[in-house]
Amino acid sequence: MSEANKTQVGGDHYKSYYAHWDLVQRLSLDYLIGCATKYVTRWRKKNGLEDLKKALHYLNKRSESAPLLAPNCLIPVAVKEVDAFVKANRLDAVERRFILLASVAQTSEDFDYARQALFTLMDEVERDLPVPKPVPLTEENHYTERVGDTPSCGDGSFDARMRKPPMGRWGDM
């Protein structure tokens, strides 16, 4: 283990014998994909759904420039490295799928597949969240945010403004 890997400033959500930045270096991932995969790696240990939304934001930004950029790495190398990383960090199959797909994505369709894996994780989080109880309107809380004020996809999934989904369950946007 390198000297830099022995220390983490602020928490322990990246502690592993195969650190996220090592994956980024070995696969020569660009900044945006590195950030997206970082948030998927740490979401269970740090900020939950917020981290998944950040991952989606970075993936969406990267996919806007997809036709202009060359592939990040060779697929067989990516599979080997991602599998080692997933094992070291005890990530699940959907997290593995996202990290692998994002790491090798070259086309809009590739990014759609990665986005779909991320949506699967987000749906998992939303199913586990407690359902907030509506607050009756009173003079004291008249201007506060209430349940149902945020636009959704109609099925209880998170804010529709963040999604750039593939065809299928999520519709065309």
N, C-alpha and C. Protein backbone atom coordinates (compact mmCIF):
# COMPACT_ATOMS: atom_id res chain seq x y z
N MET A 1 0.85 -1.17 0.00
CA MET A 1 0.00 0.00 0.00
C MET A 1 0.90 1.24 0.00
N SER A 2 0.55 2.22 -0.83
CA SER A 2 1.36 3.43 -0.92
C SER A 2 1.21 4.26 0.35
N GLU A 3 2.14 5.17 0.56
CA GLU A 3 2.09 6.05 1.73
C GLU A 3 0.83 6.90 1.71
N ALA A 4 0.46 7.43 0.55
CA ALA A 4 -0.73 8.26 0.43
C ALA A 4 -2.01 7.48 0.78
N ASN A 5 -2.03 6.19 0.44
CA ASN A 5 -3.22 5.37 0.72
C ASN A 5 -3.38 5.05 2.20
N LYS A 6 -2.32 5.22 2.99
CA LYS A 6 -2.40 4.93 4.41
C LYS A 6 -3.13 6.01 5.19
N THR A 7 -3.32 7.15 4.59
CA THR A 7 -3.94 8.29 5.26
C THR A 7 -5.18 8.72 4.51
N GLN A 8 -6.23 9.05 5.25
CA GLN A 8 -7.40 9.69 4.66
C GLN A 8 -7.77 10.86 5.53
N VAL A 9 -7.94 12.00 4.93
CA VAL A 9 -8.33 13.20 5.66
C VAL A 9 -9.85 13.25 5.70
N GLY A 10 -10.42 13.28 6.88
CA GLY A 10 -11.86 13.44 7.01
C GLY A 10 -12.67 12.18 6.76
N GLY A 11 -12.66 11.25 7.67
CA GLY A 11 -13.52 10.08 7.56
C GLY A 11 -12.76 8.83 7.17
N ASP A 12 -13.54 7.77 6.90
CA ASP A 12 -12.92 6.52 6.48
C ASP A 12 -13.71 5.86 5.35
N HIS A 13 -14.48 6.65 4.61
CA HIS A 13 -15.33 6.11 3.56
C HIS A 13 -14.56 5.66 2.33
N TYR A 14 -13.26 5.93 2.25
CA TYR A 14 -12.46 5.45 1.13
C TYR A 14 -11.43 4.41 1.56
N LYS A 15 -11.39 4.06 2.83
CA LYS A 15 -10.38 3.12 3.33
C LYS A 15 -10.56 1.76 2.68
N SER A 16 -9.52 1.32 1.99
CA SER A 16 -9.54 0.03 1.32
C SER A 16 -8.13 -0.24 0.83
N TYR A 17 -7.78 -1.50 0.67
CA TYR A 17 -6.47 -1.79 0.11
C TYR A 17 -6.43 -1.46 -1.38
N TYR A 18 -7.58 -1.27 -2.02
CA TYR A 18 -7.66 -0.80 -3.41
C TYR A 18 -8.49 0.47 -3.38
N ALA A 19 -7.84 1.62 -3.27
CA ALA A 19 -8.52 2.90 -3.15
C ALA A 19 -9.10 3.34 -4.49
N HIS A 20 -10.12 4.18 -4.43
CA HIS A 20 -10.78 4.66 -5.63
C HIS A 20 -9.81 5.39 -6.55
N TRP A 21 -8.94 6.21 -6.00
CA TRP A 21 -8.02 6.94 -6.87
C TRP A 21 -7.06 6.00 -7.60
N ASP A 22 -6.79 4.84 -7.02
CA ASP A 22 -5.97 3.85 -7.72
C ASP A 22 -6.70 3.31 -8.95
N LEU A 23 -8.00 3.07 -8.82
CA LEU A 23 -8.81 2.64 -9.97
C LEU A 23 -8.79 3.71 -11.05
N VAL A 24 -8.99 4.96 -10.66
CA VAL A 24 -9.00 6.07 -11.62
C VAL A 24 -7.68 6.13 -12.38
N GLN A 25 -6.57 5.98 -11.67
CA GLN A 25 -5.26 6.01 -12.33
C GLN A 25 -5.04 4.81 -13.23
N ARG A 26 -5.38 3.63 -12.76
CA ARG A 26 -5.12 2.42 -13.57
C ARG A 26 -5.94 2.38 -14.85
N LEU A 27 -7.16 2.94 -14.79
CA LEU A 27 -8.01 2.94 -15.98
C LEU A 27 -7.93 4.25 -16.76
N SER A 28 -7.12 5.17 -16.30
CA SER A 28 -6.99 6.49 -16.94
C SER A 28 -8.35 7.15 -17.14
N LEU A 29 -9.17 7.12 -16.10
CA LEU A 29 -10.50 7.71 -16.19
C LEU A 29 -10.39 9.23 -16.21
N ASP A 30 -11.27 9.87 -16.96
CA ASP A 30 -11.26 11.32 -16.96
C ASP A 30 -11.90 11.84 -15.67
N TYR A 31 -11.79 13.14 -15.46
CA TYR A 31 -12.25 13.75 -14.22
C TYR A 31 -13.72 13.45 -13.92
N LEU A 32 -14.59 13.64 -14.90
CA LEU A 32 -16.03 13.50 -14.68
C LEU A 32 -16.42 12.06 -14.33
N ILE A 33 -15.85 11.09 -15.03
CA ILE A 33 -16.15 9.69 -14.72
C ILE A 33 -15.52 9.31 -13.38
N GLY A 34 -14.35 9.83 -13.09
CA GLY A 34 -13.73 9.60 -11.79
C GLY A 34 -14.62 10.08 -10.66
N CYS A 35 -15.21 11.26 -10.83
CA CYS A 35 -16.12 11.78 -9.80
C CYS A 35 -17.39 10.93 -9.70
N ALA A 36 -17.96 10.56 -10.84
CA ALA A 36 -19.18 9.75 -10.82
C ALA A 36 -18.95 8.42 -10.11
N THR A 37 -17.85 7.76 -10.43
CA THR A 37 -17.58 6.46 -9.80
C THR A 37 -17.21 6.63 -8.33
N LYS A 38 -16.60 7.74 -7.96
CA LYS A 38 -16.29 8.02 -6.56
C LYS A 38 -17.57 8.08 -5.73
N TYR A 39 -18.57 8.80 -6.24
CA TYR A 39 -19.81 8.94 -5.48
C TYR A 39 -20.56 7.62 -5.36
N VAL A 40 -20.50 6.79 -6.39
CA VAL A 40 -21.15 5.48 -6.30
C VAL A 40 -20.39 4.58 -5.32
N THR A 41 -19.09 4.72 -5.27
CA THR A 41 -18.29 3.92 -4.34
C THR A 41 -18.61 4.26 -2.88
N ARG A 42 -18.84 5.51 -2.59
CA ARG A 42 -18.98 5.92 -1.19
C ARG A 42 -20.40 6.13 -0.70
N TRP A 43 -21.41 6.04 -1.56
CA TRP A 43 -22.76 6.47 -1.19
C TRP A 43 -23.30 5.76 0.05
N ARG A 44 -23.03 4.49 0.22
CA ARG A 44 -23.56 3.76 1.38
C ARG A 44 -22.86 4.18 2.68
N LYS A 45 -21.64 4.70 2.58
CA LYS A 45 -20.86 5.05 3.76
C LYS A 45 -20.94 6.52 4.11
N LYS A 46 -21.44 7.35 3.20
CA LYS A 46 -21.39 8.78 3.46
C LYS A 46 -22.74 9.48 3.31
N ASN A 47 -23.13 9.86 2.10
CA ASN A 47 -24.28 10.74 1.93
C ASN A 47 -25.49 10.13 1.23
N GLY A 48 -25.54 8.82 1.07
CA GLY A 48 -26.72 8.17 0.53
C GLY A 48 -27.17 8.69 -0.82
N LEU A 49 -28.46 8.98 -0.92
CA LEU A 49 -29.08 9.40 -2.18
C LEU A 49 -28.42 10.64 -2.76
N GLU A 50 -27.99 11.55 -1.92
CA GLU A 50 -27.31 12.76 -2.41
C GLU A 50 -26.07 12.40 -3.23
N ASP A 51 -25.29 11.43 -2.76
CA ASP A 51 -24.12 10.99 -3.52
C ASP A 51 -24.52 10.38 -4.86
N LEU A 52 -25.60 9.63 -4.89
CA LEU A 52 -26.06 9.03 -6.15
C LEU A 52 -26.52 10.12 -7.12
N LYS A 53 -27.16 11.16 -6.62
CA LYS A 53 -27.56 12.28 -7.47
C LYS A 53 -26.34 13.00 -8.03
N LYS A 54 -25.31 13.14 -7.21
CA LYS A 54 -24.07 13.75 -7.69
C LYS A 54 -23.44 12.89 -8.78
N ALA A 55 -23.44 11.58 -8.59
CA ALA A 55 -22.90 10.68 -9.61
C ALA A 55 -23.65 10.85 -10.92
N LEU A 56 -24.96 10.95 -10.85
CA LEU A 56 -25.77 11.15 -12.05
C LEU A 56 -25.43 12.47 -12.72
N HIS A 57 -25.26 13.51 -11.93
CA HIS A 57 -24.93 14.82 -12.47
C HIS A 57 -23.61 14.77 -13.25
N TYR A 58 -22.58 14.15 -12.67
CA TYR A 58 -21.29 14.01 -13.36
C TYR A 58 -21.41 13.13 -14.61
N LEU A 59 -22.17 12.04 -14.51
CA LEU A 59 -22.35 11.17 -15.67
C LEU A 59 -23.06 11.92 -16.79
N ASN A 60 -24.10 12.69 -16.45
CA ASN A 60 -24.81 13.47 -17.47
C ASN A 60 -23.89 14.48 -18.15
N LYS A 61 -23.07 15.15 -17.36
CA LYS A 61 -22.13 16.12 -17.95
C LYS A 61 -21.15 15.42 -18.88
N ARG A 62 -20.63 14.29 -18.46
CA ARG A 62 -19.68 13.54 -19.29
C ARG A 62 -20.34 13.03 -20.56
N SER A 63 -21.58 12.59 -20.47
CA SER A 63 -22.25 12.03 -21.64
C SER A 63 -22.54 13.10 -22.69
N GLU A 64 -22.61 14.36 -22.28
CA GLU A 64 -22.82 15.44 -23.24
C GLU A 64 -21.64 15.57 -24.21
N SER A 65 -20.46 15.17 -23.77
CA SER A 65 -19.28 15.27 -24.61
C SER A 65 -18.81 13.91 -25.15
N ALA A 66 -19.64 12.89 -25.00
CA ALA A 66 -19.26 11.52 -25.37
C ALA A 66 -18.74 11.40 -26.80
N PRO A 67 -19.38 11.98 -27.80
CA PRO A 67 -18.89 11.79 -29.17
C PRO A 67 -17.51 12.39 -29.41
N LEU A 68 -17.09 13.33 -28.55
CA LEU A 68 -15.83 14.02 -28.76
C LEU A 68 -14.64 13.32 -28.14
N LEU A 69 -14.89 12.39 -27.24
CA LEU A 69 -13.80 11.79 -26.47
C LEU A 69 -13.56 10.34 -26.86
N ALA A 70 -12.31 9.94 -26.78
CA ALA A 70 -11.92 8.56 -27.08
C ALA A 70 -12.26 7.67 -25.89
N PRO A 71 -12.32 6.34 -26.10
CA PRO A 71 -12.58 5.43 -24.98
C PRO A 71 -11.49 5.57 -23.93
N ASN A 72 -11.89 5.37 -22.68
CA ASN A 72 -10.96 5.55 -21.57
C ASN A 72 -9.95 4.42 -21.46
N CYS A 73 -10.35 3.20 -21.73
CA CYS A 73 -9.45 2.07 -21.53
C CYS A 73 -9.99 0.86 -22.30
N LEU A 74 -9.21 -0.16 -22.35
CA LEU A 74 -9.64 -1.40 -22.99
C LEU A 74 -10.59 -2.15 -22.08
N ILE A 75 -11.61 -2.74 -22.63
CA ILE A 75 -12.64 -3.41 -21.84
C ILE A 75 -12.08 -4.56 -21.00
N PRO A 76 -11.26 -5.46 -21.53
CA PRO A 76 -10.75 -6.55 -20.67
C PRO A 76 -9.96 -6.03 -19.46
N VAL A 77 -9.19 -4.98 -19.67
CA VAL A 77 -8.44 -4.38 -18.56
C VAL A 77 -9.41 -3.79 -17.55
N ALA A 78 -10.42 -3.09 -18.05
CA ALA A 78 -11.42 -2.48 -17.17
C ALA A 78 -12.15 -3.53 -16.33
N VAL A 79 -12.55 -4.63 -16.95
CA VAL A 79 -13.26 -5.69 -16.23
C VAL A 79 -12.39 -6.23 -15.09
N LYS A 80 -11.14 -6.50 -15.39
CA LYS A 80 -10.23 -7.03 -14.37
C LYS A 80 -10.05 -6.04 -13.22
N GLU A 81 -9.79 -4.79 -13.53
CA GLU A 81 -9.56 -3.79 -12.50
C GLU A 81 -10.82 -3.48 -11.70
N VAL A 82 -11.95 -3.35 -12.39
CA VAL A 82 -13.21 -3.06 -11.69
C VAL A 82 -13.58 -4.22 -10.77
N ASP A 83 -13.39 -5.46 -11.23
CA ASP A 83 -13.70 -6.60 -10.37
C ASP A 83 -12.84 -6.62 -9.11
N ALA A 84 -11.55 -6.32 -9.26
CA ALA A 84 -10.66 -6.26 -8.09
C ALA A 84 -11.09 -5.13 -7.16
N PHE A 85 -11.45 -3.99 -7.72
CA PHE A 85 -11.89 -2.84 -6.94
C PHE A 85 -13.18 -3.14 -6.20
N VAL A 86 -14.14 -3.75 -6.88
CA VAL A 86 -15.43 -4.10 -6.28
C VAL A 86 -15.23 -5.07 -5.11
N LYS A 87 -14.39 -6.04 -5.30
CA LYS A 87 -14.11 -7.01 -4.22
C LYS A 87 -13.47 -6.32 -3.02
N ALA A 88 -12.49 -5.47 -3.27
CA ALA A 88 -11.78 -4.79 -2.18
C ALA A 88 -12.68 -3.84 -1.41
N ASN A 89 -13.66 -3.27 -2.09
CA ASN A 89 -14.53 -2.28 -1.47
C ASN A 89 -15.91 -2.82 -1.13
N ARG A 90 -16.09 -4.14 -1.31
CA ARG A 90 -17.36 -4.81 -0.99
C ARG A 90 -18.57 -4.13 -1.62
N LEU A 91 -18.46 -3.83 -2.90
CA LEU A 91 -19.57 -3.21 -3.62
C LEU A 91 -20.47 -4.30 -4.17
N ASP A 92 -21.72 -3.94 -4.45
CA ASP A 92 -22.65 -4.95 -4.96
C ASP A 92 -22.65 -4.99 -6.49
N ALA A 93 -23.46 -5.86 -7.05
CA ALA A 93 -23.47 -6.10 -8.49
C ALA A 93 -23.91 -4.86 -9.28
N VAL A 94 -24.86 -4.11 -8.76
CA VAL A 94 -25.33 -2.93 -9.48
C VAL A 94 -24.27 -1.83 -9.45
N GLU A 95 -23.61 -1.67 -8.31
CA GLU A 95 -22.51 -0.70 -8.23
C GLU A 95 -21.39 -1.09 -9.19
N ARG A 96 -21.08 -2.38 -9.25
CA ARG A 96 -20.07 -2.87 -10.20
C ARG A 96 -20.48 -2.54 -11.63
N ARG A 97 -21.73 -2.81 -11.96
CA ARG A 97 -22.21 -2.56 -13.32
C ARG A 97 -22.05 -1.08 -13.68
N PHE A 98 -22.45 -0.20 -12.76
CA PHE A 98 -22.32 1.23 -13.04
C PHE A 98 -20.86 1.62 -13.27
N ILE A 99 -19.98 1.22 -12.35
CA ILE A 99 -18.58 1.61 -12.46
C ILE A 99 -17.97 1.08 -13.75
N LEU A 100 -18.26 -0.16 -14.10
CA LEU A 100 -17.72 -0.73 -15.33
C LEU A 100 -18.29 -0.02 -16.56
N LEU A 101 -19.60 0.15 -16.62
CA LEU A 101 -20.21 0.79 -17.78
C LEU A 101 -19.74 2.23 -17.93
N ALA A 102 -19.67 2.97 -16.84
CA ALA A 102 -19.21 4.36 -16.91
C ALA A 102 -17.75 4.43 -17.34
N SER A 103 -16.96 3.47 -16.91
CA SER A 103 -15.52 3.48 -17.22
C SER A 103 -15.22 3.25 -18.69
N VAL A 104 -16.07 2.51 -19.38
CA VAL A 104 -15.79 2.19 -20.78
C VAL A 104 -16.77 2.84 -21.76
N ALA A 105 -17.69 3.67 -21.27
CA ALA A 105 -18.72 4.26 -22.14
C ALA A 105 -18.09 5.14 -23.21
N GLN A 106 -18.63 5.00 -24.43
CA GLN A 106 -18.16 5.80 -25.56
C GLN A 106 -19.31 6.47 -26.30
N THR A 107 -20.50 5.89 -26.23
CA THR A 107 -21.63 6.41 -27.00
C THR A 107 -22.75 6.82 -26.05
N SER A 108 -23.72 7.53 -26.60
CA SER A 108 -24.89 7.92 -25.81
C SER A 108 -25.60 6.69 -25.24
N GLU A 109 -25.67 5.64 -26.04
CA GLU A 109 -26.31 4.41 -25.58
C GLU A 109 -25.55 3.80 -24.41
N ASP A 110 -24.22 3.82 -24.47
CA ASP A 110 -23.40 3.31 -23.36
C ASP A 110 -23.71 4.08 -22.08
N PHE A 111 -23.80 5.40 -22.19
CA PHE A 111 -24.10 6.21 -21.01
C PHE A 111 -25.50 5.95 -20.50
N ASP A 112 -26.43 5.67 -21.41
CA ASP A 112 -27.79 5.32 -20.99
C ASP A 112 -27.80 4.05 -20.14
N TYR A 113 -27.01 3.06 -20.53
CA TYR A 113 -26.92 1.83 -19.74
C TYR A 113 -26.34 2.10 -18.35
N ALA A 114 -25.31 2.93 -18.30
CA ALA A 114 -24.72 3.29 -17.01
C ALA A 114 -25.74 4.06 -16.17
N ARG A 115 -26.47 4.97 -16.80
CA ARG A 115 -27.49 5.76 -16.10
C ARG A 115 -28.58 4.84 -15.54
N GLN A 116 -28.96 3.82 -16.31
CA GLN A 116 -29.99 2.89 -15.84
C GLN A 116 -29.52 2.15 -14.58
N ALA A 117 -28.25 1.77 -14.52
CA ALA A 117 -27.72 1.13 -13.31
C ALA A 117 -27.80 2.09 -12.13
N LEU A 118 -27.50 3.35 -12.37
CA LEU A 118 -27.58 4.35 -11.31
C LEU A 118 -29.02 4.54 -10.85
N PHE A 119 -29.97 4.56 -11.78
CA PHE A 119 -31.39 4.67 -11.41
C PHE A 119 -31.83 3.49 -10.55
N THR A 120 -31.30 2.31 -10.84
CA THR A 120 -31.61 1.12 -10.04
C THR A 120 -31.17 1.34 -8.60
N LEU A 121 -29.98 1.88 -8.41
CA LEU A 121 -29.50 2.18 -7.05
C LEU A 121 -30.38 3.23 -6.37
N MET A 122 -30.75 4.26 -7.10
CA MET A 122 -31.59 5.32 -6.54
C MET A 122 -32.95 4.79 -6.12
N ASP A 123 -33.51 3.93 -6.96
CA ASP A 123 -34.80 3.33 -6.61
C ASP A 123 -34.68 2.49 -5.34
N GLU A 124 -33.56 1.80 -5.20
CA GLU A 124 -33.31 0.99 -3.99
C GLU A 124 -33.31 1.89 -2.75
N VAL A 125 -32.66 3.02 -2.85
CA VAL A 125 -32.61 3.96 -1.72
C VAL A 125 -34.01 4.48 -1.42
N GLU A 126 -34.73 4.87 -2.45
CA GLU A 126 -36.06 5.44 -2.24
C GLU A 126 -37.04 4.44 -1.62
N ARG A 127 -36.90 3.17 -1.96
CA ARG A 127 -37.78 2.16 -1.35
C ARG A 127 -37.52 2.03 0.14
N ASP A 128 -36.27 2.30 0.55
CA ASP A 128 -35.90 2.16 1.96
C ASP A 128 -36.15 3.42 2.77
N LEU A 129 -36.47 4.55 2.12
CA LEU A 129 -36.70 5.78 2.85
C LEU A 129 -38.08 5.75 3.50
N PRO A 130 -38.21 6.29 4.71
CA PRO A 130 -39.53 6.39 5.32
C PRO A 130 -40.39 7.38 4.55
N VAL A 131 -41.67 7.11 4.45
CA VAL A 131 -42.59 8.00 3.75
C VAL A 131 -42.96 9.14 4.69
N PRO A 132 -42.70 10.40 4.29
CA PRO A 132 -43.03 11.51 5.18
C PRO A 132 -44.53 11.68 5.31
N LYS A 133 -44.95 12.08 6.49
CA LYS A 133 -46.37 12.32 6.73
C LYS A 133 -46.70 13.75 6.32
N PRO A 134 -47.85 13.96 5.67
CA PRO A 134 -48.23 15.32 5.30
C PRO A 134 -48.41 16.19 6.54
N VAL A 135 -48.03 17.46 6.40
CA VAL A 135 -48.18 18.41 7.50
C VAL A 135 -49.38 19.28 7.20
N PRO A 136 -50.33 19.37 8.13
CA PRO A 136 -51.49 20.22 7.89
C PRO A 136 -51.06 21.69 7.78
N LEU A 137 -51.71 22.43 6.93
CA LEU A 137 -51.41 23.83 6.72
C LEU A 137 -51.93 24.65 7.90
N THR A 138 -51.02 25.43 8.49
CA THR A 138 -51.40 26.35 9.58
C THR A 138 -50.79 27.70 9.27
N GLU A 139 -51.15 28.69 10.05
CA GLU A 139 -50.58 30.04 9.87
C GLU A 139 -49.07 30.03 10.07
N GLU A 140 -48.57 29.21 11.02
CA GLU A 140 -47.14 29.16 11.33
C GLU A 140 -46.31 28.52 10.23
N ASN A 141 -46.86 27.55 9.53
CA ASN A 141 -46.06 26.83 8.53
C ASN A 141 -46.51 27.11 7.09
N HIS A 142 -47.25 28.17 6.90
CA HIS A 142 -47.84 28.47 5.59
C HIS A 142 -46.81 28.51 4.46
N TYR A 143 -45.61 29.01 4.73
CA TYR A 143 -44.61 29.17 3.68
C TYR A 143 -43.51 28.11 3.71
N THR A 144 -43.65 27.09 4.50
CA THR A 144 -42.64 26.05 4.55
C THR A 144 -42.88 25.02 3.46
N GLU A 145 -41.82 24.31 3.11
CA GLU A 145 -41.92 23.26 2.09
C GLU A 145 -42.74 22.10 2.63
N ARG A 146 -43.60 21.54 1.79
CA ARG A 146 -44.44 20.43 2.19
C ARG A 146 -44.25 19.24 1.27
N VAL A 147 -44.67 18.07 1.74
CA VAL A 147 -44.61 16.85 0.95
C VAL A 147 -45.37 17.07 -0.35
N GLY A 148 -44.74 16.64 -1.45
CA GLY A 148 -45.41 16.74 -2.75
C GLY A 148 -45.07 18.01 -3.51
N ASP A 149 -44.27 18.93 -2.92
CA ASP A 149 -43.91 20.15 -3.62
C ASP A 149 -42.87 19.93 -4.71
N THR A 150 -42.11 18.86 -4.62
CA THR A 150 -41.05 18.59 -5.59
C THR A 150 -41.61 17.74 -6.73
N PRO A 151 -41.41 18.18 -7.98
CA PRO A 151 -41.89 17.36 -9.09
C PRO A 151 -41.23 16.00 -9.09
N SER A 152 -41.96 14.97 -9.41
CA SER A 152 -41.37 13.64 -9.48
C SER A 152 -41.76 13.00 -10.80
N CYS A 153 -41.30 11.79 -10.99
CA CYS A 153 -41.60 11.08 -12.23
C CYS A 153 -42.98 10.43 -12.18
N GLY A 154 -43.73 10.67 -11.12
CA GLY A 154 -45.06 10.11 -11.02
C GLY A 154 -45.10 8.75 -10.34
N ASP A 155 -43.93 8.14 -10.14
CA ASP A 155 -43.92 6.83 -9.50
C ASP A 155 -43.18 6.88 -8.17
N GLY A 156 -43.02 8.09 -7.63
CA GLY A 156 -42.33 8.24 -6.36
C GLY A 156 -40.83 8.33 -6.49
N SER A 157 -40.30 8.26 -7.71
CA SER A 157 -38.85 8.32 -7.87
C SER A 157 -38.38 9.77 -7.76
N PHE A 158 -37.08 9.93 -7.59
CA PHE A 158 -36.54 11.25 -7.26
C PHE A 158 -36.76 12.27 -8.36
N ASP A 159 -36.48 13.50 -8.04
CA ASP A 159 -36.71 14.67 -8.87
C ASP A 159 -36.43 14.44 -10.36
N ALA A 160 -37.43 14.60 -11.17
CA ALA A 160 -37.35 14.32 -12.61
C ALA A 160 -36.39 15.25 -13.33
N ARG A 161 -36.11 16.41 -12.77
CA ARG A 161 -35.23 17.35 -13.46
C ARG A 161 -33.81 16.83 -13.57
N MET A 162 -33.38 15.92 -12.72
CA MET A 162 -32.02 15.40 -12.76
C MET A 162 -31.84 14.30 -13.80
N ARG A 163 -32.91 13.69 -14.25
CA ARG A 163 -32.81 12.50 -15.09
C ARG A 163 -32.66 12.83 -16.56
N LYS A 164 -31.78 12.10 -17.19
CA LYS A 164 -31.70 12.05 -18.64
C LYS A 164 -31.71 10.56 -18.97
N PRO A 165 -32.89 9.92 -18.87
CA PRO A 165 -32.95 8.47 -18.89
C PRO A 165 -32.95 7.86 -20.29
N PRO A 166 -32.66 6.58 -20.34
CA PRO A 166 -32.82 5.86 -21.60
C PRO A 166 -34.28 5.55 -21.82
N MET A 167 -34.58 5.01 -22.99
CA MET A 167 -35.95 4.64 -23.25
C MET A 167 -36.38 3.51 -22.31
N GLY A 168 -37.65 3.28 -22.20
CA GLY A 168 -38.15 2.23 -21.33
C GLY A 168 -38.95 2.81 -20.18
N ARG A 169 -38.79 2.23 -19.02
CA ARG A 169 -39.59 2.62 -17.85
C ARG A 169 -39.56 4.12 -17.61
N TRP A 170 -38.45 4.76 -17.88
CA TRP A 170 -38.29 6.17 -17.55
C TRP A 170 -38.81 7.10 -18.63
N GLY A 171 -39.18 6.56 -19.79
CA GLY A 171 -39.71 7.40 -20.87
C GLY A 171 -38.61 8.11 -21.63
N ASP A 172 -38.98 8.86 -22.62
CA ASP A 172 -37.99 9.60 -23.43
C ASP A 172 -37.96 11.05 -22.96
N MET A 173 -36.76 11.54 -22.68
CA MET A 173 -36.61 12.93 -22.25
C MET A 173 -35.58 13.61 -23.12
